[in-house]
Amino acid sequence: AEITEKLEEVLMIWIRQIRQVLVESEQMRREADDIGPSAELEHWKSRMLSFNSLLDEIKSSRVKKIISILQAARSKTLKQWKELDGNITIAANEAKDNVRYLYTLDKFFGLLAKASPATMVEHVPSLMNTVCMIYCTSPYYNTSECMTSLLLKITNQMINTCKTYLCEG
């Protein structure tokens, strides 16, 4: 009983820490007004790394041993743990999926940053088709919030490129 109690304390500490990570990941991002679309990809890559390392930790033999001991003791804390484990898996899958979809736009990000306004216009139809494909097929990135944020960043990049072109011309 004493060991079970100590292990439950450890599990509750982990639960609080994981909840904090999940809450922070859902908070509104603060970004500069003129940030480009590459930042969106970097955000999701960073989030994917964080959640994948958290998943690796949860699946470690040390954690599995503690969970199996608490299962044998029929601990009530396991219900919270299983729910959080599921939430982390969802968050990791979302980040991985979003990175995969945003990588399809990566080739356009460089073109938008380096092109002249005239050549940039040539790439807009393909870019918009790819954005549309993401919206239609992504299970996570097809929300109005995600699309608005992405399109705003694409527009920012186009404006920044045009400003640079005008200042150099």
N, C-alpha and C. Protein backbone atom coordinates (compact mmCIF):
# COMPACT_ATOMS: atom_id res chain seq x y z
N ALA A 1 0.83 -1.20 0.00
CA ALA A 1 0.00 0.00 0.00
C ALA A 1 0.87 1.26 0.00
N GLU A 2 1.96 1.22 0.75
CA GLU A 2 2.86 2.38 0.82
C GLU A 2 3.53 2.64 -0.53
N ILE A 3 3.95 1.58 -1.18
CA ILE A 3 4.58 1.71 -2.51
C ILE A 3 3.57 2.24 -3.51
N THR A 4 2.36 1.70 -3.46
CA THR A 4 1.30 2.16 -4.36
C THR A 4 1.04 3.65 -4.16
N GLU A 5 1.00 4.07 -2.90
CA GLU A 5 0.76 5.49 -2.60
C GLU A 5 1.87 6.37 -3.18
N LYS A 6 3.12 5.94 -3.03
CA LYS A 6 4.26 6.70 -3.56
C LYS A 6 4.19 6.77 -5.10
N LEU A 7 3.86 5.64 -5.71
CA LEU A 7 3.76 5.61 -7.17
C LEU A 7 2.61 6.48 -7.67
N GLU A 8 1.52 6.51 -6.92
CA GLU A 8 0.40 7.38 -7.29
C GLU A 8 0.81 8.85 -7.19
N GLU A 9 1.62 9.18 -6.19
CA GLU A 9 2.13 10.56 -6.07
C GLU A 9 2.97 10.93 -7.28
N VAL A 10 3.84 10.01 -7.69
CA VAL A 10 4.68 10.23 -8.87
C VAL A 10 3.79 10.42 -10.11
N LEU A 11 2.80 9.55 -10.25
CA LEU A 11 1.89 9.63 -11.40
C LEU A 11 1.14 10.96 -11.41
N MET A 12 0.71 11.42 -10.25
CA MET A 12 -0.01 12.70 -10.18
C MET A 12 0.89 13.87 -10.56
N ILE A 13 2.15 13.80 -10.22
CA ILE A 13 3.11 14.84 -10.64
C ILE A 13 3.22 14.83 -12.17
N TRP A 14 3.35 13.65 -12.74
CA TRP A 14 3.42 13.53 -14.21
C TRP A 14 2.15 14.06 -14.86
N ILE A 15 1.01 13.71 -14.27
CA ILE A 15 -0.28 14.16 -14.81
C ILE A 15 -0.34 15.69 -14.82
N ARG A 16 0.07 16.32 -13.71
CA ARG A 16 0.06 17.79 -13.66
C ARG A 16 0.99 18.38 -14.72
N GLN A 17 2.18 17.80 -14.86
CA GLN A 17 3.14 18.30 -15.85
C GLN A 17 2.62 18.14 -17.27
N ILE A 18 2.04 17.01 -17.56
CA ILE A 18 1.51 16.76 -18.90
C ILE A 18 0.33 17.67 -19.19
N ARG A 19 -0.53 17.86 -18.21
CA ARG A 19 -1.65 18.79 -18.39
C ARG A 19 -1.14 20.19 -18.73
N GLN A 20 -0.08 20.60 -18.04
CA GLN A 20 0.51 21.92 -18.29
C GLN A 20 1.02 22.01 -19.74
N VAL A 21 1.68 20.98 -20.21
CA VAL A 21 2.18 20.96 -21.59
C VAL A 21 1.00 21.05 -22.57
N LEU A 22 -0.05 20.30 -22.31
CA LEU A 22 -1.23 20.33 -23.18
C LEU A 22 -1.91 21.70 -23.17
N VAL A 23 -2.03 22.30 -22.00
CA VAL A 23 -2.65 23.62 -21.89
C VAL A 23 -1.81 24.66 -22.65
N GLU A 24 -0.50 24.62 -22.46
CA GLU A 24 0.38 25.57 -23.15
C GLU A 24 0.33 25.39 -24.66
N SER A 25 0.20 24.15 -25.11
CA SER A 25 0.18 23.91 -26.55
C SER A 25 -1.10 24.44 -27.19
N GLU A 26 -2.15 24.56 -26.40
CA GLU A 26 -3.43 25.04 -26.92
C GLU A 26 -3.59 26.56 -26.82
N GLN A 27 -2.66 27.21 -26.14
CA GLN A 27 -2.77 28.66 -25.97
C GLN A 27 -2.48 29.38 -27.27
N MET A 28 -3.01 30.57 -27.37
CA MET A 28 -2.84 31.40 -28.55
C MET A 28 -1.36 31.71 -28.74
N ARG A 29 -0.89 31.61 -29.97
CA ARG A 29 0.51 31.93 -30.27
C ARG A 29 0.63 33.43 -30.50
N ARG A 30 1.70 33.98 -29.97
CA ARG A 30 2.00 35.38 -30.23
C ARG A 30 3.04 35.43 -31.34
N GLU A 31 2.67 36.09 -32.42
CA GLU A 31 3.58 36.15 -33.57
C GLU A 31 3.64 37.59 -34.07
N ALA A 32 4.74 37.91 -34.72
CA ALA A 32 4.88 39.22 -35.33
C ALA A 32 3.82 39.38 -36.43
N ASP A 33 3.41 40.61 -36.68
CA ASP A 33 2.36 40.87 -37.66
C ASP A 33 2.76 40.52 -39.09
N ASP A 34 4.06 40.54 -39.36
CA ASP A 34 4.50 40.33 -40.74
C ASP A 34 5.20 38.99 -40.95
N ILE A 35 4.92 38.04 -40.08
CA ILE A 35 5.58 36.73 -40.15
C ILE A 35 5.11 35.94 -41.38
N GLY A 36 6.04 35.20 -41.99
CA GLY A 36 5.73 34.45 -43.20
C GLY A 36 5.30 33.01 -42.91
N PRO A 37 4.95 32.27 -43.95
CA PRO A 37 4.41 30.91 -43.78
C PRO A 37 5.44 29.88 -43.31
N SER A 38 6.71 30.14 -43.48
CA SER A 38 7.72 29.19 -42.98
C SER A 38 7.62 29.04 -41.47
N ALA A 39 7.20 30.10 -40.80
CA ALA A 39 7.05 30.05 -39.34
C ALA A 39 5.97 29.05 -38.94
N GLU A 40 4.95 28.90 -39.77
CA GLU A 40 3.88 27.94 -39.48
C GLU A 40 4.44 26.51 -39.48
N LEU A 41 5.23 26.21 -40.49
CA LEU A 41 5.86 24.89 -40.57
C LEU A 41 6.79 24.67 -39.38
N GLU A 42 7.59 25.68 -39.05
CA GLU A 42 8.51 25.55 -37.92
C GLU A 42 7.76 25.34 -36.60
N HIS A 43 6.65 26.03 -36.43
CA HIS A 43 5.83 25.85 -35.22
C HIS A 43 5.38 24.40 -35.08
N TRP A 44 4.85 23.84 -36.17
CA TRP A 44 4.34 22.47 -36.10
C TRP A 44 5.47 21.45 -35.98
N LYS A 45 6.62 21.73 -36.57
CA LYS A 45 7.78 20.83 -36.40
C LYS A 45 8.22 20.81 -34.95
N SER A 46 8.27 21.98 -34.34
CA SER A 46 8.65 22.08 -32.93
C SER A 46 7.65 21.36 -32.04
N ARG A 47 6.39 21.55 -32.33
CA ARG A 47 5.34 20.89 -31.55
C ARG A 47 5.40 19.37 -31.73
N MET A 48 5.67 18.93 -32.95
CA MET A 48 5.79 17.50 -33.22
C MET A 48 6.95 16.90 -32.41
N LEU A 49 8.09 17.58 -32.39
CA LEU A 49 9.23 17.08 -31.61
C LEU A 49 8.89 17.00 -30.13
N SER A 50 8.22 18.02 -29.61
CA SER A 50 7.86 18.03 -28.18
C SER A 50 6.95 16.86 -27.83
N PHE A 51 5.89 16.70 -28.61
CA PHE A 51 4.94 15.63 -28.29
C PHE A 51 5.51 14.24 -28.57
N ASN A 52 6.34 14.11 -29.57
CA ASN A 52 6.96 12.81 -29.82
C ASN A 52 7.91 12.43 -28.69
N SER A 53 8.65 13.40 -28.16
CA SER A 53 9.54 13.07 -27.05
C SER A 53 8.74 12.75 -25.80
N LEU A 54 7.62 13.43 -25.62
CA LEU A 54 6.73 13.12 -24.50
C LEU A 54 6.15 11.70 -24.64
N LEU A 55 5.75 11.35 -25.86
CA LEU A 55 5.25 9.99 -26.11
C LEU A 55 6.33 8.95 -25.85
N ASP A 56 7.56 9.23 -26.29
CA ASP A 56 8.67 8.30 -26.04
C ASP A 56 8.87 8.08 -24.55
N GLU A 57 8.77 9.17 -23.79
CA GLU A 57 8.93 9.07 -22.34
C GLU A 57 7.82 8.23 -21.73
N ILE A 58 6.60 8.46 -22.17
CA ILE A 58 5.45 7.71 -21.63
C ILE A 58 5.55 6.22 -21.96
N LYS A 59 6.14 5.92 -23.10
CA LYS A 59 6.26 4.52 -23.51
C LYS A 59 7.54 3.86 -22.99
N SER A 60 8.32 4.59 -22.20
CA SER A 60 9.57 4.03 -21.67
C SER A 60 9.26 2.89 -20.68
N SER A 61 10.23 2.02 -20.50
CA SER A 61 10.02 0.86 -19.63
C SER A 61 9.79 1.29 -18.18
N ARG A 62 10.42 2.35 -17.75
CA ARG A 62 10.26 2.85 -16.38
C ARG A 62 8.80 3.24 -16.12
N VAL A 63 8.23 3.99 -17.05
CA VAL A 63 6.84 4.43 -16.90
C VAL A 63 5.90 3.23 -17.01
N LYS A 64 6.17 2.34 -17.96
CA LYS A 64 5.31 1.16 -18.12
C LYS A 64 5.29 0.30 -16.85
N LYS A 65 6.44 0.19 -16.18
CA LYS A 65 6.50 -0.60 -14.94
C LYS A 65 5.62 0.03 -13.87
N ILE A 66 5.71 1.33 -13.73
CA ILE A 66 4.90 2.02 -12.72
C ILE A 66 3.41 1.85 -13.03
N ILE A 67 3.06 1.99 -14.30
CA ILE A 67 1.65 1.85 -14.70
C ILE A 67 1.16 0.43 -14.42
N SER A 68 1.99 -0.58 -14.73
CA SER A 68 1.53 -1.95 -14.48
C SER A 68 1.39 -2.25 -12.99
N ILE A 69 2.26 -1.68 -12.17
CA ILE A 69 2.12 -1.87 -10.72
C ILE A 69 0.81 -1.23 -10.24
N LEU A 70 0.54 -0.02 -10.76
CA LEU A 70 -0.70 0.68 -10.36
C LEU A 70 -1.94 -0.03 -10.91
N GLN A 71 -1.81 -0.66 -12.06
CA GLN A 71 -2.93 -1.45 -12.60
C GLN A 71 -3.21 -2.64 -11.69
N ALA A 72 -2.17 -3.30 -11.26
CA ALA A 72 -2.32 -4.45 -10.37
C ALA A 72 -2.96 -4.03 -9.05
N ALA A 73 -2.63 -2.81 -8.62
CA ALA A 73 -3.19 -2.30 -7.36
C ALA A 73 -4.55 -1.64 -7.56
N ARG A 74 -5.03 -1.65 -8.81
CA ARG A 74 -6.32 -1.05 -9.16
C ARG A 74 -6.42 0.43 -8.72
N SER A 75 -5.37 1.16 -9.06
CA SER A 75 -5.30 2.57 -8.69
C SER A 75 -6.32 3.40 -9.45
N LYS A 76 -6.93 4.33 -8.75
CA LYS A 76 -7.93 5.21 -9.36
C LYS A 76 -7.28 6.31 -10.22
N THR A 77 -5.99 6.55 -10.03
CA THR A 77 -5.30 7.60 -10.80
C THR A 77 -5.11 7.21 -12.26
N LEU A 78 -5.25 5.94 -12.56
CA LEU A 78 -5.01 5.47 -13.93
C LEU A 78 -6.03 6.01 -14.93
N LYS A 79 -7.22 6.30 -14.46
CA LYS A 79 -8.25 6.84 -15.37
C LYS A 79 -7.77 8.17 -15.96
N GLN A 80 -7.27 9.06 -15.09
CA GLN A 80 -6.73 10.35 -15.56
C GLN A 80 -5.54 10.14 -16.48
N TRP A 81 -4.69 9.20 -16.12
CA TRP A 81 -3.50 8.91 -16.90
C TRP A 81 -3.85 8.46 -18.32
N LYS A 82 -4.81 7.55 -18.41
CA LYS A 82 -5.21 7.02 -19.72
C LYS A 82 -5.80 8.13 -20.59
N GLU A 83 -6.57 9.01 -19.98
CA GLU A 83 -7.15 10.13 -20.72
C GLU A 83 -6.05 11.05 -21.26
N LEU A 84 -5.09 11.37 -20.41
CA LEU A 84 -3.97 12.22 -20.84
C LEU A 84 -3.12 11.54 -21.91
N ASP A 85 -2.89 10.26 -21.74
CA ASP A 85 -2.13 9.50 -22.73
C ASP A 85 -2.81 9.60 -24.09
N GLY A 86 -4.12 9.48 -24.10
CA GLY A 86 -4.87 9.62 -25.35
C GLY A 86 -4.77 11.03 -25.92
N ASN A 87 -4.84 12.04 -25.05
CA ASN A 87 -4.74 13.44 -25.51
C ASN A 87 -3.36 13.74 -26.10
N ILE A 88 -2.33 13.18 -25.48
CA ILE A 88 -0.98 13.38 -26.01
C ILE A 88 -0.84 12.71 -27.37
N THR A 89 -1.38 11.53 -27.50
CA THR A 89 -1.32 10.82 -28.77
C THR A 89 -2.04 11.62 -29.86
N ILE A 90 -3.19 12.18 -29.52
CA ILE A 90 -3.92 13.01 -30.49
C ILE A 90 -3.10 14.23 -30.87
N ALA A 91 -2.52 14.91 -29.89
CA ALA A 91 -1.71 16.11 -30.17
C ALA A 91 -0.49 15.77 -31.02
N ALA A 92 0.15 14.63 -30.73
CA ALA A 92 1.32 14.21 -31.52
C ALA A 92 0.90 13.88 -32.95
N ASN A 93 -0.22 13.20 -33.11
CA ASN A 93 -0.72 12.87 -34.45
C ASN A 93 -1.09 14.13 -35.23
N GLU A 94 -1.71 15.09 -34.54
CA GLU A 94 -2.07 16.35 -35.19
C GLU A 94 -0.82 17.07 -35.68
N ALA A 95 0.19 17.18 -34.83
CA ALA A 95 1.41 17.88 -35.22
C ALA A 95 2.10 17.17 -36.38
N LYS A 96 2.20 15.85 -36.30
CA LYS A 96 2.83 15.07 -37.37
C LYS A 96 2.09 15.26 -38.69
N ASP A 97 0.78 15.19 -38.64
CA ASP A 97 -0.05 15.34 -39.83
C ASP A 97 0.09 16.75 -40.41
N ASN A 98 0.07 17.76 -39.55
CA ASN A 98 0.19 19.13 -40.03
C ASN A 98 1.55 19.40 -40.66
N VAL A 99 2.60 18.83 -40.08
CA VAL A 99 3.93 18.97 -40.67
C VAL A 99 3.95 18.33 -42.06
N ARG A 100 3.36 17.17 -42.17
CA ARG A 100 3.33 16.47 -43.46
C ARG A 100 2.62 17.31 -44.52
N TYR A 101 1.48 17.87 -44.17
CA TYR A 101 0.73 18.69 -45.12
C TYR A 101 1.45 20.01 -45.43
N LEU A 102 2.00 20.64 -44.40
CA LEU A 102 2.67 21.93 -44.63
C LEU A 102 3.95 21.76 -45.45
N TYR A 103 4.58 20.60 -45.37
CA TYR A 103 5.76 20.35 -46.21
C TYR A 103 5.41 20.41 -47.70
N THR A 104 4.16 20.11 -48.04
CA THR A 104 3.77 20.20 -49.46
C THR A 104 3.79 21.65 -49.93
N LEU A 105 3.73 22.59 -49.00
CA LEU A 105 3.79 24.01 -49.35
C LEU A 105 5.20 24.58 -49.28
N ASP A 106 6.11 23.83 -48.69
CA ASP A 106 7.46 24.33 -48.44
C ASP A 106 8.15 24.86 -49.69
N LYS A 107 7.96 24.19 -50.81
CA LYS A 107 8.60 24.64 -52.06
C LYS A 107 8.11 26.03 -52.46
N PHE A 108 6.87 26.36 -52.13
CA PHE A 108 6.32 27.67 -52.46
C PHE A 108 6.88 28.76 -51.54
N PHE A 109 7.20 28.40 -50.31
CA PHE A 109 7.67 29.40 -49.36
C PHE A 109 8.95 30.06 -49.85
N GLY A 110 9.88 29.27 -50.37
CA GLY A 110 11.12 29.82 -50.92
C GLY A 110 10.85 30.66 -52.15
N LEU A 111 9.95 30.19 -53.01
CA LEU A 111 9.60 30.95 -54.21
C LEU A 111 8.99 32.30 -53.85
N LEU A 112 8.12 32.30 -52.85
CA LEU A 112 7.48 33.55 -52.44
C LEU A 112 8.50 34.54 -51.88
N ALA A 113 9.49 34.03 -51.19
CA ALA A 113 10.47 34.90 -50.54
C ALA A 113 11.47 35.49 -51.53
N LYS A 114 11.74 34.79 -52.62
CA LYS A 114 12.82 35.22 -53.53
C LYS A 114 12.34 35.73 -54.89
N ALA A 115 11.08 35.58 -55.18
CA ALA A 115 10.58 35.91 -56.52
C ALA A 115 10.35 37.41 -56.67
N SER A 116 10.30 37.84 -57.91
CA SER A 116 9.84 39.20 -58.20
C SER A 116 8.32 39.16 -58.19
N PRO A 117 7.67 40.29 -58.06
CA PRO A 117 6.20 40.27 -58.07
C PRO A 117 5.64 39.59 -59.32
N ALA A 118 6.27 39.78 -60.46
CA ALA A 118 5.76 39.18 -61.70
C ALA A 118 5.87 37.66 -61.67
N THR A 119 6.99 37.13 -61.21
CA THR A 119 7.14 35.67 -61.17
C THR A 119 6.36 35.06 -60.01
N MET A 120 6.16 35.83 -58.95
CA MET A 120 5.39 35.35 -57.82
C MET A 120 3.96 35.01 -58.26
N VAL A 121 3.39 35.87 -59.09
CA VAL A 121 2.02 35.68 -59.55
C VAL A 121 1.86 34.36 -60.29
N GLU A 122 2.89 33.91 -60.98
CA GLU A 122 2.83 32.64 -61.71
C GLU A 122 2.63 31.46 -60.78
N HIS A 123 3.12 31.58 -59.53
CA HIS A 123 3.06 30.46 -58.59
C HIS A 123 1.79 30.45 -57.74
N VAL A 124 1.04 31.54 -57.75
CA VAL A 124 -0.14 31.65 -56.88
C VAL A 124 -1.20 30.58 -57.18
N PRO A 125 -1.53 30.29 -58.45
CA PRO A 125 -2.56 29.25 -58.67
C PRO A 125 -2.15 27.87 -58.10
N SER A 126 -0.91 27.48 -58.30
CA SER A 126 -0.45 26.18 -57.76
C SER A 126 -0.45 26.21 -56.24
N LEU A 127 -0.02 27.31 -55.69
CA LEU A 127 -0.01 27.46 -54.24
C LEU A 127 -1.42 27.35 -53.68
N MET A 128 -2.36 28.04 -54.28
CA MET A 128 -3.75 28.01 -53.80
C MET A 128 -4.38 26.62 -53.98
N ASN A 129 -4.02 25.93 -55.06
CA ASN A 129 -4.50 24.55 -55.24
C ASN A 129 -3.99 23.64 -54.12
N THR A 130 -2.74 23.84 -53.74
CA THR A 130 -2.16 23.03 -52.67
C THR A 130 -2.82 23.36 -51.33
N VAL A 131 -3.06 24.64 -51.08
CA VAL A 131 -3.76 25.04 -49.86
C VAL A 131 -5.16 24.43 -49.84
N CYS A 132 -5.82 24.45 -50.97
CA CYS A 132 -7.17 23.86 -51.08
C CYS A 132 -7.12 22.35 -50.81
N MET A 133 -6.11 21.68 -51.33
CA MET A 133 -5.94 20.25 -51.10
C MET A 133 -5.76 19.97 -49.60
N ILE A 134 -4.96 20.80 -48.94
CA ILE A 134 -4.76 20.63 -47.50
C ILE A 134 -6.09 20.81 -46.77
N TYR A 135 -6.81 21.84 -47.14
CA TYR A 135 -8.11 22.11 -46.49
C TYR A 135 -9.08 20.94 -46.68
N CYS A 136 -9.07 20.37 -47.87
CA CYS A 136 -10.03 19.29 -48.19
C CYS A 136 -9.63 17.93 -47.61
N THR A 137 -8.35 17.71 -47.37
CA THR A 137 -7.92 16.36 -46.97
C THR A 137 -7.34 16.24 -45.57
N SER A 138 -6.86 17.31 -45.00
CA SER A 138 -6.24 17.21 -43.68
C SER A 138 -7.30 17.03 -42.60
N PRO A 139 -7.12 16.03 -41.75
CA PRO A 139 -8.10 15.84 -40.68
C PRO A 139 -7.97 16.87 -39.55
N TYR A 140 -6.83 17.57 -39.47
CA TYR A 140 -6.61 18.52 -38.38
C TYR A 140 -6.51 19.97 -38.86
N TYR A 141 -5.91 20.19 -40.01
CA TYR A 141 -5.57 21.54 -40.45
C TYR A 141 -6.69 22.20 -41.25
N ASN A 142 -7.85 21.60 -41.30
CA ASN A 142 -8.93 22.11 -42.14
C ASN A 142 -9.92 22.99 -41.38
N THR A 143 -9.42 23.68 -40.37
CA THR A 143 -10.30 24.60 -39.63
C THR A 143 -10.12 26.01 -40.18
N SER A 144 -11.11 26.85 -39.94
CA SER A 144 -11.01 28.23 -40.43
C SER A 144 -9.86 28.96 -39.73
N GLU A 145 -9.59 28.63 -38.46
CA GLU A 145 -8.48 29.27 -37.75
C GLU A 145 -7.14 28.95 -38.41
N CYS A 146 -6.92 27.67 -38.70
CA CYS A 146 -5.66 27.26 -39.32
C CYS A 146 -5.51 27.87 -40.72
N MET A 147 -6.57 27.80 -41.50
CA MET A 147 -6.52 28.33 -42.86
C MET A 147 -6.32 29.84 -42.86
N THR A 148 -7.01 30.54 -41.98
CA THR A 148 -6.86 31.99 -41.90
C THR A 148 -5.43 32.36 -41.54
N SER A 149 -4.89 31.67 -40.55
CA SER A 149 -3.51 31.92 -40.12
C SER A 149 -2.53 31.65 -41.27
N LEU A 150 -2.71 30.55 -41.95
CA LEU A 150 -1.82 30.20 -43.06
C LEU A 150 -1.92 31.22 -44.20
N LEU A 151 -3.13 31.55 -44.60
CA LEU A 151 -3.31 32.51 -45.70
C LEU A 151 -2.79 33.90 -45.32
N LEU A 152 -2.94 34.28 -44.07
CA LEU A 152 -2.39 35.55 -43.60
C LEU A 152 -0.87 35.55 -43.72
N LYS A 153 -0.25 34.45 -43.34
CA LYS A 153 1.22 34.34 -43.41
C LYS A 153 1.70 34.32 -44.86
N ILE A 154 0.95 33.66 -45.73
CA ILE A 154 1.31 33.67 -47.16
C ILE A 154 1.21 35.09 -47.70
N THR A 155 0.14 35.78 -47.34
CA THR A 155 -0.03 37.17 -47.78
C THR A 155 1.09 38.05 -47.24
N ASN A 156 1.43 37.87 -45.97
CA ASN A 156 2.54 38.63 -45.37
C ASN A 156 3.83 38.43 -46.17
N GLN A 157 4.10 37.18 -46.54
CA GLN A 157 5.32 36.89 -47.29
C GLN A 157 5.30 37.58 -48.65
N MET A 158 4.15 37.56 -49.31
CA MET A 158 4.03 38.21 -50.61
C MET A 158 4.24 39.73 -50.47
N ILE A 159 3.68 40.33 -49.44
CA ILE A 159 3.84 41.76 -49.21
C ILE A 159 5.29 42.09 -48.90
N ASN A 160 5.92 41.29 -48.03
CA ASN A 160 7.34 41.52 -47.69
C ASN A 160 8.23 41.41 -48.93
N THR A 161 7.95 40.43 -49.78
CA THR A 161 8.73 40.25 -51.00
C THR A 161 8.56 41.45 -51.92
N CYS A 162 7.34 41.94 -52.04
CA CYS A 162 7.07 43.11 -52.89
C CYS A 162 7.76 44.35 -52.31
N LYS A 163 7.74 44.52 -51.01
CA LYS A 163 8.42 45.66 -50.38
C LYS A 163 9.92 45.61 -50.69
N THR A 164 10.51 44.43 -50.51
CA THR A 164 11.93 44.26 -50.80
C THR A 164 12.23 44.57 -52.26
N TYR A 165 11.39 44.10 -53.14
CA TYR A 165 11.56 44.33 -54.58
C TYR A 165 11.51 45.83 -54.88
N LEU A 166 10.58 46.54 -54.27
CA LEU A 166 10.45 47.98 -54.50
C LEU A 166 11.62 48.76 -53.94
N CYS A 167 12.10 48.34 -52.78
CA CYS A 167 13.24 49.04 -52.16
C CYS A 167 14.53 48.81 -52.92
N GLU A 168 14.68 47.65 -53.55
CA GLU A 168 15.89 47.34 -54.32
C GLU A 168 15.84 47.94 -55.72
N GLY A 169 14.63 48.22 -56.23
CA GLY A 169 14.44 48.68 -57.59
C GLY A 169 14.64 50.13 -57.73
